[in-house]
Structure formats: structure tokens, C-alpha cells
Amino acid sequence: MIKRRLSAHKGCQCHINIYNDRIDFISYYTRVISIIKNGDQRLIECTGTYSSTTSRQITYFLREYAPDLALPDMKKIIGKGFVTI
């Protein structure tokens, strides 16, 4: 596992855990978003937006790791488990 900070927002209280085929976005101690690459598919789970601070962090995360997605996309999949987007 590789642990990283967001490139554009290094001072925030969040980090990224990168595994072979999975990226987890962690805000404070909560896993907020997970992205799993499965061949040509991408499975994404969002557990919540939680606060305005976490929402801003999600925006920075998506710009860096899933630039084709935005916060409204994450709000649509909260609580649905892993979905293909």
C-alpha cells in the first residue's frame, strides 16, 4: 500500500491509500470513496459527503484521481455500495 496526500491540497486532513487495483480516499479516519479498477471497468463507492470540508476534499480528490466525475456524481451513489460509472 502507498499512502499519499492530495497534490493540490496537501494541508488537509485527508489522504489516499493506493493498492494494486484500488484507491481509497480517507478523510480524517473515514473511508469516503473507493475506486476499484477491474479490467476496463471502474467500480466506485461513496460512503457520504459528511461536511462542507469533506465535500471540498472530495472535489480535490476527484480532480486528481477521477477527473471525469464530480461531487454531484458521488451524491447520487451514496449508500449504494460499489457501482459502475
Protein backbone atom coordinates (compact mmCIF):
# COMPACT_ATOMS: atom_id res chain seq x y z
CA MET A 1 0.00 0.00 0.00
CA ILE A 2 1.12 3.54 -0.80
CA LYS A 3 -0.18 6.41 1.31
CA ARG A 4 -0.34 9.89 -0.32
CA ARG A 5 -1.67 13.35 0.26
CA LEU A 6 -3.70 15.20 -2.34
CA SER A 7 -1.34 17.07 -4.67
CA ALA A 8 -3.45 20.23 -4.81
CA HIS A 9 -4.41 20.30 -1.13
CA LYS A 10 -1.56 18.84 0.92
CA GLY A 11 -2.54 20.55 4.16
CA CYS A 12 -5.97 18.98 4.50
CA GLN A 13 -6.76 16.22 6.98
CA CYS A 14 -7.16 13.50 4.39
CA HIS A 15 -5.04 11.03 2.47
CA ILE A 16 -5.15 8.48 -0.31
CA ASN A 17 -4.34 4.79 0.10
CA ILE A 18 -3.28 3.18 -3.16
CA TYR A 19 -3.28 -0.59 -3.58
CA ASN A 20 -2.70 -2.59 -6.77
CA ASP A 21 -6.19 -2.11 -8.19
CA ARG A 22 -7.86 0.09 -5.59
CA ILE A 23 -7.69 3.71 -4.47
CA ASP A 24 -9.27 4.75 -1.16
CA PHE A 25 -9.90 8.37 -0.21
CA ILE A 26 -9.78 8.77 3.57
CA SER A 27 -10.94 11.95 5.32
CA TYR A 28 -9.70 12.08 8.89
CA TYR A 29 -10.31 8.39 9.74
CA THR A 30 -13.32 7.72 7.48
CA ARG A 31 -13.15 5.95 4.13
CA VAL A 32 -15.19 8.23 1.90
CA ILE A 33 -14.57 7.00 -1.65
CA SER A 34 -13.11 3.80 -3.07
CA ILE A 35 -12.30 3.23 -6.73
CA ILE A 36 -11.53 -0.27 -7.98
CA LYS A 37 -10.20 -0.83 -11.48
CA ASN A 38 -11.42 -4.15 -12.81
CA GLY A 39 -10.14 -4.55 -16.36
CA ASP A 40 -11.90 -1.91 -18.44
CA GLN A 41 -14.47 -1.30 -15.71
CA ARG A 42 -14.24 1.12 -12.81
CA LEU A 43 -16.24 0.41 -9.67
CA ILE A 44 -16.82 3.34 -7.31
CA GLU A 45 -18.29 3.55 -3.83
CA CYS A 46 -19.05 6.75 -1.90
CA THR A 47 -19.99 6.41 1.76
CA GLY A 48 -21.08 10.04 2.19
CA THR A 49 -20.16 13.70 1.79
CA TYR A 50 -20.35 14.30 5.58
CA SER A 51 -19.49 18.03 5.75
CA SER A 52 -18.62 21.04 3.62
CA THR A 53 -14.94 20.37 4.37
CA THR A 54 -15.18 16.76 3.22
CA SER A 55 -17.11 17.85 0.13
CA ARG A 56 -14.24 20.19 -0.80
CA GLN A 57 -11.76 17.36 -0.20
CA ILE A 58 -13.85 15.07 -2.45
CA THR A 59 -13.69 17.67 -5.21
CA TYR A 60 -9.89 17.82 -4.98
CA PHE A 61 -9.70 14.01 -4.91
CA LEU A 62 -11.90 13.61 -7.99
CA ARG A 63 -9.93 16.22 -9.95
CA GLU A 64 -6.78 14.22 -9.32
CA TYR A 65 -7.97 10.60 -9.49
CA ALA A 66 -11.26 10.64 -11.48
CA PRO A 67 -11.41 13.91 -13.45
CA ASP A 68 -14.47 12.77 -15.41
CA LEU A 69 -16.53 12.72 -12.18
CA ALA A 70 -17.76 15.47 -9.86
CA LEU A 71 -19.35 15.85 -6.43
CA PRO A 72 -22.94 15.54 -7.77
CA ASP A 73 -21.99 12.12 -9.22
CA MET A 74 -20.84 11.00 -5.77
CA LYS A 75 -24.03 12.25 -4.13
CA LYS A 76 -26.06 10.03 -6.48
CA ILE A 77 -24.27 6.85 -5.40
CA ILE A 78 -24.06 7.34 -1.62
CA GLY A 79 -25.13 4.18 0.16
CA LYS A 80 -25.44 2.07 -3.00
CA GLY A 81 -22.23 0.12 -2.49
CA PHE A 82 -19.90 -0.29 -5.45
CA VAL A 83 -21.39 0.90 -8.73
CA THR A 84 -20.03 1.04 -12.25
CA ILE A 85 -19.66 4.54 -13.59
